[in-house]
Amino acid sequence: MSLALLFPGQGSQAVGMGAALAETFASAREVFAAVDDALGQHLFRLMQEGPEDELTLTENAQPALMAVSMAVVRVLADDFNVAVDGAAFAAGHSLGEYSALCAIEALSLADTARLLKLRGQAMQRAVPVGAGSMASLIGPKVDLALAEAAAAAGCEGGGVCAVANDNNQGNIVISGEVAAVERAIARAKELGARAIPLNVSAPFHCPLMQPAADAMAAALSGTTVVEPLIPLVANITARPVTDPETIRNLLVQQVTGRVRWRESITWLAAEGGVTRFAELGSGKVLSGMAKRIAPNAEAVSLNTPQDLETFAQTL
């Protein structure tokens, strides 16, 4: 059974995440302490106690979600003898790509924590608050062609609107300037979609994020990236990559580029021969998407001690 490891992105955070892992496993506590040390911040305390609005801030949510994913990775390895190189591929949704790269040892834990803190701050600073927005286009008629047509309508008159996340059939996210996204929503509704404005602090994965991409390029240029234990299926290309310099460049492009998640899972299930997906970290969003995109594959979420024990017993 060929396995792919999936790592969640922003939106999966919740106060209390990682608590059961920390209570049960010393290896999880070590990960949370190491992330706190790397950031010089009591991030784990914020994860446990909140307040929720502070945890949801991009600069906190991104390293926090990575920390939970890495706690799962470490517990699997140290307590259940399940190593990441037993999988065929890894992939992560947006910030989850950093978690994936840390898990497969292309990036160190400390560097990953610092990069995500910076990434969150840079993404927040890139666009003035209230100038950008995002919306989820949902419904049975929603596909990439519909979303691209809606985004094109949003760009009429010089506005910025782009497809940000191609998540799965029936769930695609657009991002850009407020007025442009509003025009795109109107067009999407005409084409038979429902549109839900997202409660986000900035318009991620669109050209407005270029200042953040520049900041990440500078940060990544001074960060050690090594060849991963297993290939990463990258957001930008939806194809596997192992070359460190290519990984570095794709992480920069990812800030402004589309998350090609549907294509990534499709490639993994078809060309990659993956028959089982395991989501490592907070929430169940990616395992749910995997079931919809690749219905013949098994998909599980791993974020509690019982999840990990059951998973290890099946290998």
C-alpha atoms as a PDB file:
ATOM      1  CA  MET A   1       0.000   0.000   0.000  1.00  0.00           C
ATOM      2  CA  SER A   2       1.631   3.251  -1.180  1.00  0.00           C
ATOM      3  CA  LEU A   3       1.283   6.070   1.364  1.00  0.00           C
ATOM      4  CA  ALA A   4       1.336   9.870   1.031  1.00  0.00           C
ATOM      5  CA  LEU A   5       1.641  12.177   4.039  1.00  0.00           C
ATOM      6  CA  LEU A   6      -0.468  15.359   4.001  1.00  0.00           C
ATOM      7  CA  PHE A   7       0.076  18.452   6.149  1.00  0.00           C
ATOM      8  CA  PRO A   8      -2.759  20.948   6.834  1.00  0.00           C
ATOM      9  CA  GLY A   9      -2.830  24.664   6.152  1.00  0.00           C
ATOM     10  CA  GLN A  10      -4.283  27.724   7.813  1.00  0.00           C
ATOM     11  CA  GLY A  11      -7.874  27.423   8.983  1.00  0.00           C
ATOM     12  CA  SER A  12      -7.293  24.115  10.788  1.00  0.00           C
ATOM     13  CA  GLN A  13      -6.098  25.834  13.974  1.00  0.00           C
ATOM     14  CA  ALA A  14      -8.134  25.564  17.186  1.00  0.00           C
ATOM     15  CA  VAL A  15      -7.495  26.403  20.820  1.00  0.00           C
ATOM     16  CA  GLY A  16      -6.438  23.200  22.568  1.00  0.00           C
ATOM     17  CA  MET A  17      -4.782  21.616  19.545  1.00  0.00           C
ATOM     18  CA  GLY A  18      -1.903  19.362  20.443  1.00  0.00           C
ATOM     19  CA  ALA A  19      -2.944  19.116  24.091  1.00  0.00           C
ATOM     20  CA  ALA A  20      -3.594  15.360  24.143  1.00  0.00           C
ATOM     21  CA  LEU A  21      -0.314  14.689  22.363  1.00  0.00           C
ATOM     22  CA  ALA A  22       1.607  16.786  24.875  1.00  0.00           C
ATOM     23  CA  GLU A  23      -0.123  15.150  27.833  1.00  0.00           C
ATOM     24  CA  THR A  24       0.649  11.652  26.535  1.00  0.00           C
ATOM     25  CA  PHE A  25       4.066  11.838  24.864  1.00  0.00           C
ATOM     26  CA  ALA A  26       7.343  13.433  25.971  1.00  0.00           C
ATOM     27  CA  SER A  27       8.409  13.559  22.326  1.00  0.00           C
ATOM     28  CA  ALA A  28       5.491  15.879  21.527  1.00  0.00           C
ATOM     29  CA  ARG A  29       6.346  18.137  24.455  1.00  0.00           C
ATOM     30  CA  GLU A  30       9.914  18.356  23.152  1.00  0.00           C
ATOM     31  CA  VAL A  31       8.675  19.579  19.764  1.00  0.00           C
ATOM     32  CA  PHE A  32       6.462  22.266  21.286  1.00  0.00           C
ATOM     33  CA  ALA A  33       9.308  23.421  23.554  1.00  0.00           C
ATOM     34  CA  ALA A  34      11.726  23.558  20.628  1.00  0.00           C
ATOM     35  CA  VAL A  35       9.329  25.717  18.597  1.00  0.00           C
ATOM     36  CA  ASP A  36       8.854  28.053  21.569  1.00  0.00           C
ATOM     37  CA  ASP A  37      12.631  28.342  21.911  1.00  0.00           C
ATOM     38  CA  ALA A  38      13.131  29.024  18.203  1.00  0.00           C
ATOM     39  CA  LEU A  39      10.557  31.827  18.274  1.00  0.00           C
ATOM     40  CA  GLY A  40      11.315  33.221  21.719  1.00  0.00           C
ATOM     41  CA  GLN A  41       7.569  33.026  22.328  1.00  0.00           C
ATOM     42  CA  HIS A  42       5.175  31.047  24.523  1.00  0.00           C
ATOM     43  CA  LEU A  43       3.380  29.740  21.448  1.00  0.00           C
ATOM     44  CA  PHE A  44       2.318  26.428  22.983  1.00  0.00           C
ATOM     45  CA  ARG A  45       0.667  28.247  25.876  1.00  0.00           C
ATOM     46  CA  LEU A  46      -1.243  30.374  23.356  1.00  0.00           C
ATOM     47  CA  MET A  47      -2.265  27.185  21.534  1.00  0.00           C
ATOM     48  CA  GLN A  48      -3.662  25.751  24.774  1.00  0.00           C
ATOM     49  CA  GLU A  49      -5.196  28.811  26.398  1.00  0.00           C
ATOM     50  CA  GLY A  50      -5.954  31.220  23.571  1.00  0.00           C
ATOM     51  CA  PRO A  51      -7.413  33.723  23.118  1.00  0.00           C
ATOM     52  CA  GLU A  52      -8.640  32.356  19.817  1.00  0.00           C
ATOM     53  CA  ASP A  53      -8.343  35.662  17.961  1.00  0.00           C
ATOM     54  CA  GLU A  54      -4.640  35.841  18.863  1.00  0.00           C
ATOM     55  CA  LEU A  55      -4.016  32.234  17.823  1.00  0.00           C
ATOM     56  CA  THR A  56      -5.797  32.906  14.524  1.00  0.00           C
ATOM     57  CA  LEU A  57      -3.381  35.725  13.644  1.00  0.00           C
ATOM     58  CA  THR A  58      -1.452  34.510  10.609  1.00  0.00           C
ATOM     59  CA  GLU A  59       1.942  34.914  12.283  1.00  0.00           C
ATOM     60  CA  ASN A  60       0.823  32.635  15.146  1.00  0.00           C
ATOM     61  CA  ALA A  61      -1.420  30.171  13.329  1.00  0.00           C
ATOM     62  CA  GLN A  62       1.222  29.196  10.785  1.00  0.00           C
ATOM     63  CA  PRO A  63       4.005  28.083  13.171  1.00  0.00           C
ATOM     64  CA  ALA A  64       1.408  26.636  15.570  1.00  0.00           C
ATOM     65  CA  LEU A  65      -0.080  24.350  12.939  1.00  0.00           C
ATOM     66  CA  MET A  66       3.401  23.275  11.886  1.00  0.00           C
ATOM     67  CA  ALA A  67       4.244  22.473  15.518  1.00  0.00           C
ATOM     68  CA  VAL A  68       1.261  20.137  15.865  1.00  0.00           C
ATOM     69  CA  SER A  69       2.117  18.393  12.600  1.00  0.00           C
ATOM     70  CA  MET A  70       5.714  17.921  13.706  1.00  0.00           C
ATOM     71  CA  ALA A  71       4.593  16.621  17.095  1.00  0.00           C
ATOM     72  CA  VAL A  72       2.615  13.937  15.243  1.00  0.00           C
ATOM     73  CA  VAL A  73       5.662  13.132  13.097  1.00  0.00           C
ATOM     74  CA  ARG A  74       7.939  12.878  16.133  1.00  0.00           C
ATOM     75  CA  VAL A  75       5.515  10.730  18.138  1.00  0.00           C
ATOM     76  CA  LEU A  76       5.049   8.355  15.217  1.00  0.00           C
ATOM     77  CA  ALA A  77       8.814   7.979  14.910  1.00  0.00           C
ATOM     78  CA  ASP A  78       9.824   7.853  18.581  1.00  0.00           C
ATOM     79  CA  ASP A  79       6.858   6.094  20.151  1.00  0.00           C
ATOM     80  CA  PHE A  80       5.475   3.915  17.348  1.00  0.00           C
ATOM     81  CA  ASN A  81       8.571   3.313  15.194  1.00  0.00           C
ATOM     82  CA  VAL A  82       6.852   4.758  12.116  1.00  0.00           C
ATOM     83  CA  ALA A  83       9.296   6.850  10.061  1.00  0.00           C
ATOM     84  CA  VAL A  84       8.330   9.333   7.357  1.00  0.00           C
ATOM     85  CA  ASP A  85      10.554   7.638   4.796  1.00  0.00           C
ATOM     86  CA  GLY A  86       8.167   4.703   4.897  1.00  0.00           C
ATOM     87  CA  ALA A  87       5.845   6.904   2.837  1.00  0.00           C
ATOM     88  CA  ALA A  88       6.242   7.455  -0.895  1.00  0.00           C
ATOM     89  CA  PHE A  89       5.478  11.195  -1.000  1.00  0.00           C
ATOM     90  CA  ALA A  90       4.638  14.200   1.166  1.00  0.00           C
ATOM     91  CA  ALA A  91       2.506  17.244   0.374  1.00  0.00           C
ATOM     92  CA  GLY A  92       1.235  20.220   2.361  1.00  0.00           C
ATOM     93  CA  HIS A  93      -1.477  22.793   1.748  1.00  0.00           C
ATOM     94  CA  SER A  94       0.054  26.299   1.616  1.00  0.00           C
ATOM     95  CA  LEU A  95       1.890  26.688   4.962  1.00  0.00           C
ATOM     96  CA  GLY A  96       1.585  22.907   5.243  1.00  0.00           C
ATOM     97  CA  GLU A  97       4.249  22.674   2.568  1.00  0.00           C
ATOM     98  CA  TYR A  98       6.729  23.957   5.155  1.00  0.00           C
ATOM     99  CA  SER A  99       5.498  21.357   7.652  1.00  0.00           C
ATOM    100  CA  ALA A 100       5.982  18.675   5.005  1.00  0.00           C
ATOM    101  CA  LEU A 101       9.514  19.835   4.254  1.00  0.00           C
ATOM    102  CA  CYS A 102      10.377  19.834   7.946  1.00  0.00           C
ATOM    103  CA  ALA A 103       8.895  16.351   8.366  1.00  0.00           C
ATOM    104  CA  ILE A 104      10.949  14.961   5.474  1.00  0.00           C
ATOM    105  CA  GLU A 105      14.048  16.735   6.816  1.00  0.00           C
ATOM    106  CA  ALA A 106      14.649  19.263   4.052  1.00  0.00           C
ATOM    107  CA  LEU A 107      14.322  22.044   6.666  1.00  0.00           C
ATOM    108  CA  SER A 108      15.228  22.031  10.358  1.00  0.00           C
ATOM    109  CA  LEU A 109      12.478  22.496  12.940  1.00  0.00           C
ATOM    110  CA  ALA A 110      13.915  25.787  14.212  1.00  0.00           C
ATOM    111  CA  ASP A 111      14.316  27.223  10.713  1.00  0.00           C
ATOM    112  CA  THR A 112      10.787  26.139   9.768  1.00  0.00           C
ATOM    113  CA  ALA A 113       9.299  27.843  12.825  1.00  0.00           C
ATOM    114  CA  ARG A 114      11.160  31.077  12.117  1.00  0.00           C
ATOM    115  CA  LEU A 115      10.322  31.026   8.416  1.00  0.00           C
ATOM    116  CA  LEU A 116       6.616  30.572   9.119  1.00  0.00           C
ATOM    117  CA  LYS A 117       6.582  33.349  11.700  1.00  0.00           C
ATOM    118  CA  LEU A 118       8.181  35.655   9.130  1.00  0.00           C
ATOM    119  CA  ARG A 119       5.879  34.381   6.374  1.00  0.00           C
ATOM    120  CA  GLY A 120       2.821  35.180   8.452  1.00  0.00           C
ATOM    121  CA  GLN A 121       4.074  38.663   9.295  1.00  0.00           C
ATOM    122  CA  ALA A 122       5.073  39.394   5.700  1.00  0.00           C
ATOM    123  CA  MET A 123       1.751  38.208   4.294  1.00  0.00           C
ATOM    124  CA  GLN A 124      -0.118  40.389   6.783  1.00  0.00           C
ATOM    125  CA  ARG A 125       1.976  43.460   5.919  1.00  0.00           C
ATOM    126  CA  ALA A 126       1.755  43.006   2.149  1.00  0.00           C
ATOM    127  CA  VAL A 127      -1.743  44.454   1.792  1.00  0.00           C
ATOM    128  CA  PRO A 128      -3.432  47.092   3.997  1.00  0.00           C
ATOM    129  CA  VAL A 129      -6.174  45.672   6.222  1.00  0.00           C
ATOM    130  CA  GLY A 130      -9.506  45.876   4.411  1.00  0.00           C
ATOM    131  CA  ALA A 131      -7.978  46.259   0.944  1.00  0.00           C
ATOM    132  CA  GLY A 132      -8.126  42.589   0.027  1.00  0.00           C
ATOM    133  CA  SER A 133     -10.493  39.670   0.428  1.00  0.00           C
ATOM    134  CA  MET A 134     -11.000  36.021  -0.403  1.00  0.00           C
ATOM    135  CA  ALA A 135     -14.087  33.974  -1.201  1.00  0.00           C
ATOM    136  CA  SER A 136     -14.856  30.302  -1.539  1.00  0.00           C
ATOM    137  CA  LEU A 137     -16.818  29.278  -4.639  1.00  0.00           C
ATOM    138  CA  ILE A 138     -18.793  26.144  -3.881  1.00  0.00           C
ATOM    139  CA  GLY A 139     -21.371  23.931  -5.513  1.00  0.00           C
ATOM    140  CA  PRO A 140     -21.620  21.070  -8.008  1.00  0.00           C
ATOM    141  CA  LYS A 141     -21.025  23.372 -10.976  1.00  0.00           C
ATOM    142  CA  VAL A 142     -17.805  24.822  -9.549  1.00  0.00           C
ATOM    143  CA  ASP A 143     -14.715  23.721 -11.460  1.00  0.00           C
ATOM    144  CA  LEU A 144     -11.501  25.430 -12.460  1.00  0.00           C
ATOM    145  CA  ALA A 145     -12.970  26.828 -15.688  1.00  0.00           C
ATOM    146  CA  LEU A 146     -15.830  28.503 -13.787  1.00  0.00           C
ATOM    147  CA  ALA A 147     -13.479  29.922 -11.158  1.00  0.00           C
ATOM    148  CA  GLU A 148     -11.095  31.287 -13.778  1.00  0.00           C
ATOM    149  CA  ALA A 149     -13.991  32.894 -15.658  1.00  0.00           C
ATOM    150  CA  ALA A 150     -15.182  34.523 -12.428  1.00  0.00           C
ATOM    151  CA  ALA A 151     -11.664  35.758 -11.599  1.00  0.00           C
ATOM    152  CA  ALA A 152     -11.298  37.184 -15.104  1.00  0.00           C
ATOM    153  CA  ALA A 153     -14.541  39.115 -14.614  1.00  0.00           C
ATOM    154  CA  GLY A 154     -13.176  40.430 -11.354  1.00  0.00           C
ATOM    155  CA  CYS A 155     -10.072  41.748 -13.148  1.00  0.00           C
ATOM    156  CA  GLU A 156     -12.117  43.796 -15.610  1.00  0.00           C
ATOM    157  CA  GLY A 157     -11.225  47.449 -15.243  1.00  0.00           C
ATOM    158  CA  GLY A 158      -7.781  46.687 -13.881  1.00  0.00           C
ATOM    159  CA  GLY A 159      -8.606  44.952 -10.635  1.00  0.00           C
ATOM    160  CA  VAL A 160      -6.613  42.071  -9.141  1.00  0.00           C
ATOM    161  CA  CYS A 161      -8.391  38.753  -8.665  1.00  0.00           C
ATOM    162  CA  ALA A 162      -6.999  35.242  -9.042  1.00  0.00           C
ATOM    163  CA  VAL A 163      -7.748  31.619  -8.277  1.00  0.00           C
ATOM    164  CA  ALA A 164      -5.897  31.060  -5.007  1.00  0.00           C
ATOM    165  CA  ASN A 165      -6.725  27.490  -3.997  1.00  0.00           C
ATOM    166  CA  ASP A 166      -7.960  24.828  -6.410  1.00  0.00           C
ATOM    167  CA  ASN A 167      -9.001  22.568  -3.540  1.00  0.00           C
ATOM    168  CA  ASN A 168     -11.318  20.067  -5.195  1.00  0.00           C
ATOM    169  CA  GLN A 169     -14.251  19.894  -7.575  1.00  0.00           C
ATOM    170  CA  GLY A 170     -16.929  22.074  -6.022  1.00  0.00           C
ATOM    171  CA  ASN A 171     -14.573  24.036  -3.746  1.00  0.00           C
ATOM    172  CA  ILE A 172     -12.269  26.688  -5.214  1.00  0.00           C
ATOM    173  CA  VAL A 173     -11.039  29.872  -3.517  1.00  0.00           C
ATOM    174  CA  ILE A 174     -10.480  33.237  -5.206  1.00  0.00           C
ATOM    175  CA  SER A 175      -8.394  36.095  -3.832  1.00  0.00           C
ATOM    176  CA  GLY A 176      -7.673  39.739  -4.630  1.00  0.00           C
ATOM    177  CA  GLU A 177      -8.781  43.323  -4.157  1.00  0.00           C
ATOM    178  CA  VAL A 178     -12.151  43.783  -2.479  1.00  0.00           C
ATOM    179  CA  ALA A 179     -13.955  45.291  -5.472  1.00  0.00           C
ATOM    180  CA  ALA A 180     -12.465  42.740  -7.860  1.00  0.00           C
ATOM    181  CA  VAL A 181     -13.482  39.814  -5.660  1.00  0.00           C
ATOM    182  CA  GLU A 182     -16.992  41.252  -5.410  1.00  0.00           C
ATOM    183  CA  ARG A 183     -17.216  41.387  -9.231  1.00  0.00           C
ATOM    184  CA  ALA A 184     -15.912  37.837  -9.406  1.00  0.00           C
ATOM    185  CA  ILE A 185     -18.516  36.660  -6.902  1.00  0.00           C
ATOM    186  CA  ALA A 186     -21.285  38.253  -8.959  1.00  0.00           C
ATOM    187  CA  ARG A 187     -20.069  36.482 -12.084  1.00  0.00           C
ATOM    188  CA  ALA A 188     -19.663  33.169 -10.263  1.00  0.00           C
ATOM    189  CA  LYS A 189     -23.269  33.360  -9.083  1.00  0.00           C
ATOM    190  CA  GLU A 190     -24.388  33.979 -12.652  1.00  0.00           C
ATOM    191  CA  LEU A 191     -22.519  30.805 -13.627  1.00  0.00           C
ATOM    192  CA  GLY A 192     -24.288  28.751 -10.964  1.00  0.00           C
ATOM    193  CA  ALA A 193     -21.920  28.868  -7.998  1.00  0.00           C
ATOM    194  CA  ARG A 194     -22.492  29.833  -4.407  1.00  0.00           C
ATOM    195  CA  ALA A 195     -19.932  32.185  -2.904  1.00  0.00           C
ATOM    196  CA  ILE A 196     -18.912  32.533   0.720  1.00  0.00           C
ATOM    197  CA  PRO A 197     -16.645  35.448   1.708  1.00  0.00           C
ATOM    198  CA  LEU A 198     -13.832  34.161   3.936  1.00  0.00           C
ATOM    199  CA  ASN A 199     -12.882  35.717   7.253  1.00  0.00           C
ATOM    200  CA  VAL A 200      -9.207  36.225   6.456  1.00  0.00           C
ATOM    201  CA  SER A 201      -6.805  39.013   7.294  1.00  0.00           C
ATOM    202  CA  ALA A 202      -5.207  39.271   3.839  1.00  0.00           C
ATOM    203  CA  PRO A 203      -5.722  38.081   0.224  1.00  0.00           C
ATOM    204  CA  PHE A 204      -3.371  35.087   0.125  1.00  0.00           C
ATOM    205  CA  HIS A 205      -2.000  33.365  -3.000  1.00  0.00           C
ATOM    206  CA  CYS A 206      -2.526  36.196  -5.453  1.00  0.00           C
ATOM    207  CA  PRO A 207      -0.240  38.823  -7.030  1.00  0.00           C
ATOM    208  CA  LEU A 208      -0.953  41.277  -4.185  1.00  0.00           C
ATOM    209  CA  MET A 209       1.313  39.096  -2.021  1.00  0.00           C
ATOM    210  CA  GLN A 210       4.452  40.010  -4.011  1.00  0.00           C
ATOM    211  CA  PRO A 211       6.007  41.988  -1.123  1.00  0.00           C
ATOM    212  CA  ALA A 212       5.668  38.867   1.034  1.00  0.00           C
ATOM    213  CA  ALA A 213       7.225  36.740  -1.722  1.00  0.00           C
ATOM    214  CA  ASP A 214      10.185  39.130  -1.801  1.00  0.00           C
ATOM    215  CA  ALA A 215      10.582  38.842   1.972  1.00  0.00           C
ATOM    216  CA  MET A 216      10.507  35.046   1.768  1.00  0.00           C
ATOM    217  CA  ALA A 217      13.039  35.025  -1.056  1.00  0.00           C
ATOM    218  CA  ALA A 218      15.442  36.976   1.149  1.00  0.00           C
ATOM    219  CA  ALA A 219      14.819  34.731   4.155  1.00  0.00           C
ATOM    220  CA  LEU A 220      15.083  31.477   2.207  1.00  0.00           C
ATOM    221  CA  SER A 221      18.323  32.579   0.534  1.00  0.00           C
ATOM    222  CA  GLY A 222      19.984  32.396   3.934  1.00  0.00           C
ATOM    223  CA  THR A 223      18.293  29.164   5.043  1.00  0.00           C
ATOM    224  CA  THR A 224      19.778  25.706   4.662  1.00  0.00           C
ATOM    225  CA  VAL A 225      17.621  23.461   2.452  1.00  0.00           C
ATOM    226  CA  VAL A 226      18.768  19.882   1.867  1.00  0.00           C
ATOM    227  CA  GLU A 227      17.467  17.019  -0.241  1.00  0.00           C
ATOM    228  CA  PRO A 228      14.385  15.549   1.472  1.00  0.00           C
ATOM    229  CA  LEU A 229      14.053  11.931   2.555  1.00  0.00           C
ATOM    230  CA  ILE A 230      11.144  11.454   0.134  1.00  0.00           C
ATOM    231  CA  PRO A 231       9.793  13.648  -2.705  1.00  0.00           C
ATOM    232  CA  LEU A 232       7.558  16.629  -2.002  1.00  0.00           C
ATOM    233  CA  VAL A 233       4.602  17.157  -4.345  1.00  0.00           C
ATOM    234  CA  ALA A 234       4.717  20.941  -4.611  1.00  0.00           C
ATOM    235  CA  ASN A 235       1.733  23.294  -4.518  1.00  0.00           C
ATOM    236  CA  ILE A 236       2.909  25.273  -7.525  1.00  0.00           C
ATOM    237  CA  THR A 237       3.637  22.388  -9.903  1.00  0.00           C
ATOM    238  CA  ALA A 238       1.510  19.524  -8.512  1.00  0.00           C
ATOM    239  CA  ARG A 239       4.530  17.337  -9.240  1.00  0.00           C
ATOM    240  CA  PRO A 240       7.275  15.764  -7.101  1.00  0.00           C
ATOM    241  CA  VAL A 241      10.480  17.645  -6.350  1.00  0.00           C
ATOM    242  CA  THR A 242      13.646  16.785  -4.428  1.00  0.00           C
ATOM    243  CA  ASP A 243      16.229  19.344  -5.601  1.00  0.00           C
ATOM    244  CA  PRO A 244      16.931  21.830  -2.761  1.00  0.00           C
ATOM    245  CA  GLU A 245      17.308  24.893  -4.995  1.00  0.00           C
ATOM    246  CA  THR A 246      14.089  24.082  -6.828  1.00  0.00           C
ATOM    247  CA  ILE A 247      12.304  23.659  -3.498  1.00  0.00           C
ATOM    248  CA  ARG A 248      13.593  27.055  -2.384  1.00  0.00           C
ATOM    249  CA  ASN A 249      12.318  28.732  -5.567  1.00  0.00           C
ATOM    250  CA  LEU A 250       8.928  27.022  -5.399  1.00  0.00           C
ATOM    251  CA  LEU A 251       8.422  28.202  -1.822  1.00  0.00           C
ATOM    252  CA  VAL A 252       8.887  31.782  -3.020  1.00  0.00           C
ATOM    253  CA  GLN A 253       6.513  31.315  -5.957  1.00  0.00           C
ATOM    254  CA  GLN A 254       3.960  29.700  -3.670  1.00  0.00           C
ATOM    255  CA  VAL A 255       3.308  32.989  -1.819  1.00  0.00           C
ATOM    256  CA  THR A 256       1.680  34.590  -4.868  1.00  0.00           C
ATOM    257  CA  GLY A 257       0.811  31.424  -6.800  1.00  0.00           C
ATOM    258  CA  ARG A 258      -2.106  29.028  -6.884  1.00  0.00           C
ATOM    259  CA  VAL A 259      -2.265  26.066  -4.516  1.00  0.00           C
ATOM    260  CA  ARG A 260      -2.933  23.249  -7.008  1.00  0.00           C
ATOM    261  CA  TRP A 261      -4.254  20.829  -4.421  1.00  0.00           C
ATOM    262  CA  ARG A 262      -6.799  18.987  -6.572  1.00  0.00           C
ATOM    263  CA  GLU A 263      -4.126  18.352  -9.189  1.00  0.00           C
ATOM    264  CA  SER A 264      -1.640  17.269  -6.524  1.00  0.00           C
ATOM    265  CA  ILE A 265      -3.939  14.627  -5.048  1.00  0.00           C
ATOM    266  CA  THR A 266      -5.000  13.504  -8.522  1.00  0.00           C
ATOM    267  CA  TRP A 267      -1.348  13.049  -9.523  1.00  0.00           C
ATOM    268  CA  LEU A 268      -0.546  11.182  -6.314  1.00  0.00           C
ATOM    269  CA  ALA A 269      -3.437   8.759  -6.757  1.00  0.00           C
ATOM    270  CA  ALA A 270      -2.911   8.208 -10.485  1.00  0.00           C
ATOM    271  CA  GLU A 271       0.741   8.698 -11.466  1.00  0.00           C
ATOM    272  CA  GLY A 272       2.152   8.321  -7.959  1.00  0.00           C
ATOM    273  CA  GLY A 273       0.270   5.108  -7.246  1.00  0.00           C
ATOM    274  CA  VAL A 274      -0.832   6.293  -3.795  1.00  0.00           C
ATOM    275  CA  THR A 275      -3.603   4.208  -2.257  1.00  0.00           C
ATOM    276  CA  ARG A 276      -3.549   5.701   1.234  1.00  0.00           C
ATOM    277  CA  PHE A 277      -3.409   9.293   2.465  1.00  0.00           C
ATOM    278  CA  ALA A 278      -2.611  10.260   6.059  1.00  0.00           C
ATOM    279  CA  GLU A 279      -3.168  13.839   7.258  1.00  0.00           C
ATOM    280  CA  LEU A 280      -0.723  14.669  10.062  1.00  0.00           C
ATOM    281  CA  GLY A 281      -1.781  17.536  12.317  1.00  0.00           C
ATOM    282  CA  SER A 282      -4.766  19.579  13.380  1.00  0.00           C
ATOM    283  CA  GLY A 283      -8.143  19.003  11.744  1.00  0.00           C
ATOM    284  CA  LYS A 284      -9.494  16.734   9.030  1.00  0.00           C
ATOM    285  CA  VAL A 285      -9.805  19.086   6.055  1.00  0.00           C
ATOM    286  CA  LEU A 286      -7.198  17.488   3.793  1.00  0.00           C
ATOM    287  CA  SER A 287      -8.236  13.900   4.457  1.00  0.00           C
ATOM    288  CA  GLY A 288     -11.794  14.918   3.569  1.00  0.00           C
ATOM    289  CA  MET A 289     -10.604  16.491   0.322  1.00  0.00           C
ATOM    290  CA  ALA A 290      -8.530  13.423  -0.513  1.00  0.00           C
ATOM    291  CA  LYS A 291     -11.591  11.195  -0.171  1.00  0.00           C
ATOM    292  CA  ARG A 292     -13.494  13.383  -2.624  1.00  0.00           C
ATOM    293  CA  ILE A 293     -10.665  13.716  -5.143  1.00  0.00           C
ATOM    294  CA  ALA A 294      -9.450  10.107  -4.981  1.00  0.00           C
ATOM    295  CA  PRO A 295     -12.471   8.075  -3.814  1.00  0.00           C
ATOM    296  CA  ASN A 296     -10.719   4.744  -4.369  1.00  0.00           C
ATOM    297  CA  ALA A 297      -7.954   5.621  -1.903  1.00  0.00           C
ATOM    298  CA  GLU A 298      -8.120   5.447   1.874  1.00  0.00           C
ATOM    299  CA  ALA A 299      -7.700   8.710   3.804  1.00  0.00           C
ATOM    300  CA  VAL A 300      -7.211   9.135   7.548  1.00  0.00           C
ATOM    301  CA  SER A 301      -6.455  12.039   9.882  1.00  0.00           C
ATOM    302  CA  LEU A 302      -3.866  11.674  12.646  1.00  0.00           C
ATOM    303  CA  ASN A 303      -4.006  14.129  15.514  1.00  0.00           C
ATOM    304  CA  THR A 304      -4.854  12.209  18.701  1.00  0.00           C
ATOM    305  CA  PRO A 305      -2.935   9.487  20.558  1.00  0.00           C
ATOM    306  CA  GLN A 306      -5.609   6.957  19.587  1.00  0.00           C
ATOM    307  CA  ASP A 307      -5.379   7.984  15.920  1.00  0.00           C
ATOM    308  CA  LEU A 308      -1.637   7.381  15.955  1.00  0.00           C
ATOM    309  CA  GLU A 309      -1.857   4.037  17.730  1.00  0.00           C
ATOM    310  CA  THR A 310      -4.525   2.757  15.354  1.00  0.00           C
ATOM    311  CA  PHE A 311      -2.571   3.955  12.322  1.00  0.00           C
ATOM    312  CA  ALA A 312       0.659   2.340  13.486  1.00  0.00           C
ATOM    313  CA  GLN A 313      -1.119  -0.986  13.987  1.00  0.00           C
ATOM    314  CA  THR A 314      -2.275  -0.986  10.364  1.00  0.00           C
ATOM    315  CA  LEU A 315       1.218  -0.639   8.874  1.00  0.00           C
END
